Amino acid sequence: MGHKIIIISCPFPITGGGGRRSFEVLRRLPDHMEEDIEIVLPLDCVRAILRDEMDKTDKIIAELIDRGIEINEYSLQLLEKSAKFKQFKKDCKGLNISEFLRGTFSFEIYKKENSVYLKNCLKFVDTENVHCVYSHHECLDSALLSYLLAEKLRKNLVVLLQLEPFRPLNYLLRTKLKYTYYAPSIREIINTIPEIIFNAYTSRVYKKIVSSKFFKCFFSVSLAPVILSGLQNSSYSILNPANAFESELLKYRKNLKEKEDCAIFFARLSPEKGIFELPYIWKKVTNIFPDLKLIICGIPETRFLRKFENIAKKQGVSDKIILKGYVPRNELLEIVSRAKVFIYPTHSDSYSLVALESLALGTPVVTYDIPAIKYSYGEFDSVKIVPEWNINEMAKKVVEVIKMNEDDYQKMLNERQLLNFLKLHSSWENVAKAEARELEKVLNT
């Protein structure tokens, strides 16, 4: 047997963009590396799958195994048990603790859980051949498990940043206050307390990671996560390309001349993605275009949906917003490609796959000037960037795009610089190659 890389990964697209990226890269990584790959699922990944259909995960696992990737046996056992809550709870102490208490005492809970989990996982690992431990996610569960594993095995440690793992306290407080301004909630204010503590614990873990003698570097999908978490003095490498879309999306650009009078929002329906600002923005837009519709695609959490509906009702735009909920992939692509503009008031992103997909589909984006957007898309005329939280400017830019004549609209979406960018990012193979290349550098030092 050759050397092995243990990758801490949640490679399930149903968990979000990070899971999807992980899956797309992992299934291609064996073609570009000599080392064997074994995946250990982080505990939060197993918890997430608890709420979803197991048959979807089974297909992903089968494909990865077919590609020659080993899935840790204990991870699989725990994943199977997760379908039965009582059995799962026996394996993961503390799961029944409320979100508030979990956030407040998160570090000790996470450390204990991951230590026990790690001990069980190692029963199925040939530790002699492990060359490197690689966390495919920046979240606390994955980063902590990777750190503990690297320290235990005394092997190289690499962590991939798809988002900023933590943020400065002043930024976190300012953002939370802004959220509650648009959607006042005592519960959200109270929940800020464990979030602040959780953020501090994550920062603490990352200090341990960068000070470890086994830590090699961070990989990051853009400069944004590095800067926002203050990790720029650590060793890091920016992957390029770091994300991709299926090349088939480009065929939808045929709809450039068949745009409909609507705007689109398709992303995770959460405050971090700006859903509570959308009704305020849309009210200003429909003051100019009363018949224009905003289509929202995605499955929201019930508590967020209720708040959103209340805000939309108060702003008088309930009848101008279409909540589609979950939409099958092919239907979603068709809807996005026919929309005139993608309204994306996001506050948290590292690269934004949805912005990339929107551009590939031929739909311009209006969004905030957060670092992830500026670093990745700031050079394109088809991405209209306004100051964060400035809903007046966002509505103004949306109106400007709607008013554009067909020639200017087509020119904006067919600029040479953008088309070259899309070509580079139209293949997950390119992303896997870039990641394998950086991993090989680590393994050869």
Protein backbone atom coordinates (compact mmCIF):
# COMPACT_ATOMS: atom_id res chain seq x y z
CA MET A 1 0.00 0.00 0.00
CA GLY A 2 1.10 3.58 -0.74
CA HIS A 3 0.72 6.71 1.31
CA LYS A 4 -2.74 7.73 2.41
CA ILE A 5 -4.44 11.09 2.93
CA ILE A 6 -7.23 11.23 5.47
CA ILE A 7 -9.75 13.87 4.39
CA ILE A 8 -12.31 15.12 6.88
CA SER A 9 -15.23 15.81 4.59
CA CYS A 10 -19.00 16.05 4.36
CA PRO A 11 -19.29 15.29 0.61
CA PHE A 12 -23.06 15.49 0.40
CA PRO A 13 -24.58 18.21 -1.84
CA ILE A 14 -27.80 18.14 0.17
CA THR A 15 -25.94 19.85 3.05
CA GLY A 16 -25.15 22.94 0.95
CA GLY A 17 -22.56 24.49 -1.34
CA GLY A 18 -19.61 23.32 0.74
CA GLY A 19 -20.80 19.72 0.58
CA ARG A 20 -21.36 19.96 -3.13
CA ARG A 21 -17.89 21.37 -3.77
CA SER A 22 -16.35 18.66 -1.62
CA PHE A 23 -18.15 15.92 -3.54
CA GLU A 24 -17.28 17.30 -6.97
CA VAL A 25 -13.59 17.58 -6.09
CA LEU A 26 -13.27 14.30 -4.19
CA ARG A 27 -14.77 12.20 -6.95
CA ARG A 28 -12.08 13.53 -9.31
CA LEU A 29 -9.12 13.76 -6.95
CA PRO A 30 -7.95 10.11 -7.39
CA ASP A 31 -7.26 10.82 -11.06
CA HIS A 32 -4.66 13.43 -10.11
CA MET A 33 -2.96 11.95 -7.04
CA GLU A 34 -0.95 8.81 -6.34
CA GLU A 35 -1.92 8.71 -2.67
CA ASP A 36 -4.87 6.69 -1.39
CA ILE A 37 -7.77 8.69 0.05
CA GLU A 38 -9.88 7.86 3.08
CA ILE A 39 -12.81 10.04 4.11
CA VAL A 40 -13.82 10.52 7.73
CA LEU A 41 -17.19 12.23 8.12
CA PRO A 42 -17.29 15.07 10.67
CA LEU A 43 -19.93 14.66 13.36
CA ASP A 44 -21.90 17.73 12.26
CA CYS A 45 -22.18 16.14 8.84
CA VAL A 46 -23.77 13.05 10.36
CA ARG A 47 -26.16 15.28 12.31
CA ALA A 48 -27.15 17.12 9.15
CA ILE A 49 -27.88 13.89 7.31
CA LEU A 50 -30.18 12.94 10.17
CA ARG A 51 -32.69 15.43 8.76
CA ASP A 52 -32.45 14.34 5.15
CA GLU A 53 -33.18 11.33 3.00
CA MET A 54 -30.63 8.56 3.43
CA ASP A 55 -31.04 7.26 -0.12
CA LYS A 56 -29.36 10.43 -1.46
CA THR A 57 -26.31 9.89 0.73
CA ASP A 58 -26.12 6.22 -0.24
CA LYS A 59 -25.75 7.16 -3.90
CA ILE A 60 -22.95 9.63 -3.10
CA ILE A 61 -21.12 7.08 -0.96
CA ALA A 62 -21.45 4.41 -3.66
CA GLU A 63 -19.99 6.73 -6.29
CA LEU A 64 -17.04 7.74 -4.12
CA ILE A 65 -16.26 4.12 -3.29
CA ASP A 66 -16.52 3.28 -6.98
CA ARG A 67 -13.88 5.97 -7.61
CA GLY A 68 -11.50 4.13 -5.29
CA ILE A 69 -12.06 6.31 -2.22
CA GLU A 70 -12.37 4.59 1.15
CA ILE A 71 -15.00 5.80 3.62
CA ASN A 72 -14.07 5.22 7.25
CA GLU A 73 -15.99 2.21 8.51
CA TYR A 74 -16.99 3.79 11.81
CA SER A 75 -18.21 6.92 10.00
CA LEU A 76 -20.42 4.71 7.85
CA GLN A 77 -21.73 2.83 10.87
CA LEU A 78 -22.64 6.06 12.60
CA LEU A 79 -24.22 7.46 9.46
CA GLU A 80 -26.44 4.41 9.16
CA LYS A 81 -27.45 4.70 12.79
CA SER A 82 -28.33 8.36 12.28
CA ALA A 83 -31.55 7.29 10.58
CA LYS A 84 -32.66 6.06 13.99
CA PHE A 85 -32.46 8.93 16.42
CA LYS A 86 -32.32 6.92 19.63
CA GLN A 87 -29.39 4.82 18.45
CA PHE A 88 -27.59 7.91 17.18
CA LYS A 89 -28.05 9.73 20.49
CA LYS A 90 -26.25 6.89 22.30
CA ASP A 91 -23.22 7.36 20.07
CA CYS A 92 -23.13 11.16 20.28
CA LYS A 93 -23.55 12.38 23.83
CA GLY A 94 -24.92 15.89 24.12
CA LEU A 95 -27.05 15.82 20.97
CA ASN A 96 -30.18 16.46 23.01
CA ILE A 97 -28.80 19.67 24.54
CA SER A 98 -30.63 22.81 23.44
CA GLU A 99 -29.03 25.05 20.84
CA PHE A 100 -28.44 27.68 23.49
CA LEU A 101 -26.59 25.36 25.85
CA ARG A 102 -24.78 23.71 22.97
CA GLY A 103 -23.47 27.07 21.81
CA THR A 104 -22.57 28.15 25.34
CA PHE A 105 -20.63 25.00 26.20
CA SER A 106 -19.67 24.11 22.65
CA PHE A 107 -15.92 23.76 23.07
CA GLU A 108 -16.00 21.13 25.81
CA ILE A 109 -18.86 19.29 24.10
CA TYR A 110 -17.16 19.32 20.72
CA LYS A 111 -13.82 18.29 22.17
CA LYS A 112 -15.29 15.39 24.10
CA GLU A 113 -17.46 14.20 21.23
CA ASN A 114 -14.66 14.42 18.69
CA SER A 115 -12.18 12.67 20.96
CA VAL A 116 -14.53 9.72 21.42
CA TYR A 117 -15.43 9.70 17.73
CA LEU A 118 -11.77 9.87 16.72
CA LYS A 119 -10.90 6.94 18.96
CA ASN A 120 -13.56 4.81 17.28
CA CYS A 121 -12.60 5.91 13.76
CA LEU A 122 -8.94 5.04 14.33
CA LYS A 123 -9.89 1.42 14.99
CA PHE A 124 -10.46 1.15 11.24
CA VAL A 125 -7.47 3.18 10.01
CA ASP A 126 -4.08 1.82 8.95
CA THR A 127 -2.19 4.62 10.68
CA GLU A 128 1.24 3.54 9.42
CA ASN A 129 0.47 4.71 5.90
CA VAL A 130 -1.14 8.06 6.73
CA HIS A 131 0.85 10.92 5.25
CA CYS A 132 -1.46 13.89 5.77
CA VAL A 133 -4.70 14.95 7.45
CA TYR A 134 -6.77 17.36 5.36
CA SER A 135 -9.94 19.11 6.54
CA HIS A 136 -12.18 19.87 3.56
CA HIS A 137 -14.21 22.34 5.62
CA GLU A 138 -13.39 25.25 7.92
CA CYS A 139 -16.21 24.68 10.43
CA LEU A 140 -15.32 23.92 14.04
CA ASP A 141 -16.30 20.24 13.92
CA SER A 142 -14.11 19.46 10.90
CA ALA A 143 -11.18 21.65 11.92
CA LEU A 144 -11.10 20.33 15.49
CA LEU A 145 -11.34 16.70 14.39
CA SER A 146 -8.54 17.26 11.86
CA TYR A 147 -6.36 18.93 14.48
CA LEU A 148 -6.89 16.13 17.01
CA LEU A 149 -6.20 13.50 14.36
CA ALA A 150 -3.01 15.17 13.09
CA GLU A 151 -1.72 15.55 16.66
CA LYS A 152 -2.57 11.93 17.45
CA LEU A 153 -0.87 10.56 14.33
CA ARG A 154 1.87 13.22 14.25
CA LYS A 155 1.16 13.90 10.58
CA ASN A 156 0.91 16.97 8.34
CA LEU A 157 -2.22 19.07 8.73
CA VAL A 158 -3.96 21.17 6.05
CA VAL A 159 -7.31 22.98 6.40
CA LEU A 160 -9.43 24.26 3.51
CA LEU A 161 -11.28 27.54 4.09
CA GLN A 162 -14.52 27.70 2.11
CA LEU A 163 -15.86 30.40 4.43
CA GLU A 164 -14.29 32.43 7.20
CA PRO A 165 -14.21 30.10 10.25
CA PHE A 166 -14.69 32.98 12.70
CA ARG A 167 -14.93 36.76 12.69
CA PRO A 168 -13.79 39.64 14.92
CA LEU A 169 -16.17 40.27 17.80
CA ASN A 170 -17.03 43.85 16.76
CA TYR A 171 -18.00 42.70 13.26
CA LEU A 172 -20.14 39.87 14.65
CA LEU A 173 -22.02 42.19 17.01
CA ARG A 174 -22.56 44.84 14.33
CA THR A 175 -23.93 42.24 11.91
CA LYS A 176 -26.30 40.75 14.48
CA LEU A 177 -27.67 44.18 15.33
CA LYS A 178 -28.31 44.81 11.63
CA TYR A 179 -30.19 41.50 11.29
CA THR A 180 -32.46 42.37 14.18
CA TYR A 181 -33.09 45.82 12.68
CA TYR A 182 -34.67 44.26 9.59
CA ALA A 183 -36.34 41.42 11.51
CA PRO A 184 -36.68 42.28 15.23
CA SER A 185 -36.63 39.17 17.41
CA ILE A 186 -35.93 38.66 21.11
CA ARG A 187 -34.98 35.05 20.38
CA GLU A 188 -32.34 36.09 17.86
CA ILE A 189 -30.89 38.61 20.31
CA ILE A 190 -30.66 35.93 23.01
CA ASN A 191 -29.14 33.45 20.56
CA THR A 192 -26.38 35.97 19.85
CA ILE A 193 -24.81 35.06 23.19
CA PRO A 194 -23.93 31.43 22.32
CA GLU A 195 -22.95 32.50 18.82
CA ILE A 196 -20.38 34.92 20.24
CA ILE A 197 -19.06 32.22 22.56
CA PHE A 198 -19.02 29.69 19.72
CA ASN A 199 -17.12 32.17 17.57
CA ALA A 200 -14.56 32.64 20.37
CA TYR A 201 -14.12 28.87 20.76
CA THR A 202 -13.56 28.49 17.03
CA SER A 203 -10.92 31.22 17.15
CA ARG A 204 -9.29 29.37 20.02
CA VAL A 205 -9.15 26.12 18.02
CA TYR A 206 -7.60 27.90 15.05
CA LYS A 207 -4.91 29.38 17.28
CA LYS A 208 -4.08 25.82 18.31
CA ILE A 209 -4.03 24.75 14.66
CA VAL A 210 -1.62 27.45 13.45
CA SER A 211 0.68 26.89 16.43
CA SER A 212 0.82 23.12 15.89
CA LYS A 213 4.16 21.83 14.62
CA PHE A 214 2.22 19.59 12.21
CA PHE A 215 0.30 22.45 10.59
CA LYS A 216 1.45 23.09 7.04
CA CYS A 217 -0.94 25.64 5.57
CA PHE A 218 -4.47 26.72 4.81
CA PHE A 219 -5.96 26.30 1.37
CA SER A 220 -8.59 28.92 0.63
CA VAL A 221 -11.15 29.35 -2.15
CA SER A 222 -10.45 33.09 -2.13
CA LEU A 223 -8.59 35.69 -0.11
CA ALA A 224 -11.79 36.64 1.74
CA PRO A 225 -11.83 33.88 4.43
CA VAL A 226 -8.16 34.50 5.22
CA ILE A 227 -8.62 38.26 5.62
CA LEU A 228 -11.93 38.14 7.48
CA SER A 229 -10.57 35.73 10.08
CA GLY A 230 -7.24 37.53 10.43
CA LEU A 231 -5.22 34.52 9.27
CA GLN A 232 -3.12 36.38 6.71
CA ASN A 233 0.01 35.99 8.85
CA SER A 234 -0.32 32.20 8.64
CA SER A 235 0.84 30.04 5.77
CA TYR A 236 -1.89 29.87 3.12
CA SER A 237 -2.46 29.20 -0.57
CA ILE A 238 -5.33 30.50 -2.72
CA LEU A 239 -6.73 27.81 -5.00
CA ASN A 240 -7.33 28.80 -8.62
CA PRO A 241 -9.78 27.85 -9.88
CA ALA A 242 -11.43 27.13 -6.56
CA ASN A 243 -14.97 26.54 -7.73
CA ALA A 244 -16.78 25.54 -10.89
CA PHE A 245 -20.10 25.00 -12.57
CA GLU A 246 -21.21 22.29 -14.98
CA SER A 247 -20.30 23.30 -18.52
CA GLU A 248 -23.86 22.40 -19.56
CA LEU A 249 -25.03 25.62 -17.88
CA LEU A 250 -23.56 27.65 -20.71
CA LYS A 251 -26.19 26.31 -23.12
CA TYR A 252 -28.84 28.24 -21.17
CA ARG A 253 -27.27 31.47 -22.44
CA LYS A 254 -29.47 31.01 -25.48
CA ASN A 255 -32.16 32.58 -23.29
CA LEU A 256 -30.36 35.93 -23.30
CA LYS A 257 -32.85 37.21 -25.87
CA GLU A 258 -35.83 35.61 -24.12
CA LYS A 259 -35.67 37.19 -20.68
CA GLU A 260 -38.84 37.48 -18.65
CA ASP A 261 -40.00 40.37 -16.47
CA CYS A 262 -38.82 38.92 -13.19
CA ALA A 263 -35.88 38.83 -10.80
CA ILE A 264 -34.51 35.79 -9.00
CA PHE A 265 -33.07 34.91 -5.61
CA PHE A 266 -31.70 31.39 -5.24
CA ALA A 267 -29.53 30.66 -2.24
CA ARG A 268 -29.79 29.48 1.31
CA LEU A 269 -32.79 31.28 2.80
CA SER A 270 -31.16 32.71 5.91
CA PRO A 271 -30.38 36.15 7.38
CA GLU A 272 -26.74 35.73 6.30
CA LYS A 273 -27.92 35.70 2.68
CA GLY A 274 -30.03 38.82 3.17
CA ILE A 275 -33.53 37.36 2.94
CA PHE A 276 -34.96 39.86 5.43
CA GLU A 277 -33.74 42.77 3.29
CA LEU A 278 -35.36 41.40 0.13
CA PRO A 279 -38.90 42.71 0.84
CA TYR A 280 -37.55 46.22 1.53
CA ILE A 281 -35.51 46.13 -1.69
CA TRP A 282 -38.40 44.77 -3.71
CA LYS A 283 -40.78 47.44 -2.42
CA LYS A 284 -38.46 50.11 -3.84
CA VAL A 285 -38.07 48.24 -7.14
CA THR A 286 -41.82 47.74 -7.60
CA ASN A 287 -42.44 51.41 -6.97
CA ILE A 288 -40.84 51.80 -10.43
CA PHE A 289 -42.02 48.50 -11.96
CA PRO A 290 -45.32 47.58 -10.24
CA ASP A 291 -45.86 44.38 -12.24
CA LEU A 292 -42.36 42.94 -11.76
CA LYS A 293 -42.14 39.66 -9.84
CA LEU A 294 -39.39 38.37 -7.56
CA ILE A 295 -39.01 34.58 -7.61
CA ILE A 296 -37.40 33.02 -4.55
CA CYS A 297 -36.14 29.43 -4.75
CA GLY A 298 -34.94 27.36 -1.82
CA ILE A 299 -36.18 25.62 1.30
CA PRO A 300 -36.32 28.05 4.25
CA GLU A 301 -36.33 27.21 7.92
CA THR A 302 -39.85 27.66 9.30
CA ARG A 303 -38.85 30.44 11.72
CA PHE A 304 -37.17 32.43 8.93
CA LEU A 305 -40.07 31.88 6.54
CA ARG A 306 -42.59 33.31 9.00
CA LYS A 307 -40.47 36.40 9.57
CA PHE A 308 -39.96 36.86 5.86
CA GLU A 309 -43.68 36.59 5.14
CA ASN A 310 -44.48 39.10 7.90
CA ILE A 311 -41.97 41.61 6.52
CA ALA A 312 -43.25 41.13 2.96
CA LYS A 313 -46.82 41.71 4.17
CA LYS A 314 -45.88 44.87 6.06
CA GLN A 315 -44.03 46.19 3.01
CA GLY A 316 -47.02 45.44 0.80
CA VAL A 317 -45.14 43.16 -1.60
CA SER A 318 -46.53 39.73 -0.70
CA ASP A 319 -48.36 39.54 -4.03
CA LYS A 320 -45.21 40.56 -5.92
CA ILE A 321 -43.01 37.78 -4.51
CA ILE A 322 -43.29 34.13 -5.57
CA LEU A 323 -41.95 31.66 -3.00
CA LYS A 324 -41.22 28.52 -5.01
CA GLY A 325 -39.61 26.50 -2.23
CA TYR A 326 -37.52 23.57 -3.42
CA VAL A 327 -37.14 23.47 -7.20
CA PRO A 328 -35.58 20.53 -9.13
CA ARG A 329 -32.18 21.39 -10.55
CA ASN A 330 -33.13 21.56 -14.24
CA GLU A 331 -36.18 23.70 -13.52
CA LEU A 332 -34.10 26.01 -11.33
CA LEU A 333 -31.53 26.55 -14.08
CA GLU A 334 -34.29 27.43 -16.53
CA ILE A 335 -35.84 29.94 -14.11
CA VAL A 336 -32.51 31.63 -13.35
CA SER A 337 -31.54 31.83 -17.02
CA ARG A 338 -34.80 33.59 -17.89
CA ALA A 339 -34.69 36.09 -15.03
CA LYS A 340 -33.38 39.56 -15.83
CA VAL A 341 -31.36 39.90 -12.66
CA PHE A 342 -30.22 37.93 -9.62
CA ILE A 343 -30.69 39.94 -6.42
CA TYR A 344 -28.17 38.67 -3.89
CA PRO A 345 -27.86 40.73 -0.66
CA THR A 346 -25.44 38.28 0.93
CA HIS A 347 -23.40 39.10 4.02
CA SER A 348 -21.49 35.83 4.20
CA ASP A 349 -19.65 34.22 1.29
CA SER A 350 -16.17 33.11 0.35
CA TYR A 351 -16.50 32.62 -3.38
CA SER A 352 -20.23 32.38 -4.11
CA LEU A 353 -21.05 29.47 -6.34
CA VAL A 354 -24.55 30.86 -6.95
CA ALA A 355 -23.09 34.09 -8.36
CA LEU A 356 -20.84 32.03 -10.63
CA GLU A 357 -23.77 29.90 -11.80
CA SER A 358 -25.91 32.97 -12.42
CA LEU A 359 -23.24 34.49 -14.67
CA ALA A 360 -22.81 31.17 -16.48
CA LEU A 361 -26.56 31.09 -17.10
CA GLY A 362 -26.50 34.63 -18.50
CA THR A 363 -28.11 36.50 -15.60
CA PRO A 364 -26.38 39.55 -14.08
CA VAL A 365 -25.95 39.87 -10.32
CA VAL A 366 -26.63 42.77 -7.97
CA THR A 367 -24.94 42.19 -4.64
CA TYR A 368 -23.10 43.74 -1.67
CA ASP A 369 -19.45 44.75 -1.59
CA ILE A 370 -18.36 42.05 0.85
CA PRO A 371 -14.75 40.85 0.36
CA ALA A 372 -15.71 37.53 -1.24
CA ILE A 373 -17.61 39.29 -3.99
CA LYS A 374 -15.05 42.05 -4.57
CA TYR A 375 -12.11 39.64 -4.75
CA SER A 376 -13.82 37.16 -7.06
CA TYR A 377 -16.21 39.21 -9.22
CA GLY A 378 -15.33 42.87 -8.79
CA GLU A 379 -13.85 43.23 -12.28
CA PHE A 380 -17.03 42.28 -14.18
CA ASP A 381 -19.61 44.78 -15.38
CA SER A 382 -22.28 42.07 -15.06
CA VAL A 383 -21.83 42.05 -11.27
CA LYS A 384 -23.23 45.28 -9.83
CA ILE A 385 -21.74 45.88 -6.40
CA VAL A 386 -23.22 48.24 -3.79
CA PRO A 387 -22.23 49.06 -0.18
CA GLU A 388 -23.28 46.37 2.27
CA TRP A 389 -26.68 47.01 3.91
CA ASN A 390 -27.48 49.81 1.45
CA ILE A 391 -30.87 48.64 0.21
CA ASN A 392 -31.53 51.93 -1.58
CA GLU A 393 -28.46 51.48 -3.79
CA MET A 394 -29.28 47.83 -4.37
CA ALA A 395 -32.79 48.67 -5.53
CA LYS A 396 -31.37 51.42 -7.75
CA LYS A 397 -28.95 49.01 -9.43
CA VAL A 398 -31.70 46.44 -9.96
CA VAL A 399 -33.82 49.10 -11.66
CA GLU A 400 -30.85 50.11 -13.84
CA VAL A 401 -30.41 46.53 -15.03
CA ILE A 402 -34.14 46.14 -15.74
CA LYS A 403 -34.08 49.36 -17.78
CA MET A 404 -31.10 48.36 -19.95
CA ASN A 405 -31.75 48.02 -23.65
CA GLU A 406 -31.09 44.64 -25.24
CA ASP A 407 -27.79 45.59 -26.91
CA ASP A 408 -26.23 46.92 -23.70
CA TYR A 409 -27.57 43.95 -21.73
CA GLN A 410 -26.04 41.47 -24.20
CA LYS A 411 -22.75 43.35 -24.30
CA MET A 412 -22.52 43.32 -20.51
CA LEU A 413 -22.95 39.54 -20.34
CA ASN A 414 -20.64 38.78 -23.25
CA GLU A 415 -17.60 40.84 -22.34
CA ARG A 416 -14.40 38.98 -23.22
CA GLN A 417 -13.01 39.07 -19.69
CA LEU A 418 -16.14 37.41 -18.31
CA LEU A 419 -16.23 34.72 -21.01
CA ASN A 420 -12.59 33.79 -20.32
CA PHE A 421 -13.38 33.59 -16.61
CA LEU A 422 -16.36 31.33 -17.27
CA LYS A 423 -14.28 29.08 -19.50
CA LEU A 424 -11.71 28.55 -16.73
CA HIS A 425 -14.47 27.80 -14.20
CA SER A 426 -16.61 25.56 -16.40
CA SER A 427 -14.91 22.35 -15.30
CA TRP A 428 -14.69 20.70 -11.88
CA GLU A 429 -11.74 18.84 -13.35
CA ASN A 430 -9.78 22.10 -13.32
CA VAL A 431 -10.68 22.63 -9.65
CA ALA A 432 -9.60 19.09 -8.72
CA LYS A 433 -6.30 19.52 -10.58
CA ALA A 434 -5.57 22.79 -8.78
CA GLU A 435 -6.29 21.24 -5.39
CA ALA A 436 -4.23 18.11 -6.15
CA ARG A 437 -1.33 20.31 -7.28
CA GLU A 438 -1.33 22.21 -3.98
CA LEU A 439 -1.66 19.01 -1.96
CA GLU A 440 1.32 17.48 -3.72
CA LYS A 441 3.39 20.54 -2.77
CA VAL A 442 2.53 19.95 0.88
CA LEU A 443 3.26 16.23 0.67
CA ASN A 444 6.64 16.83 -0.98
CA THR A 445 7.93 19.32 1.59
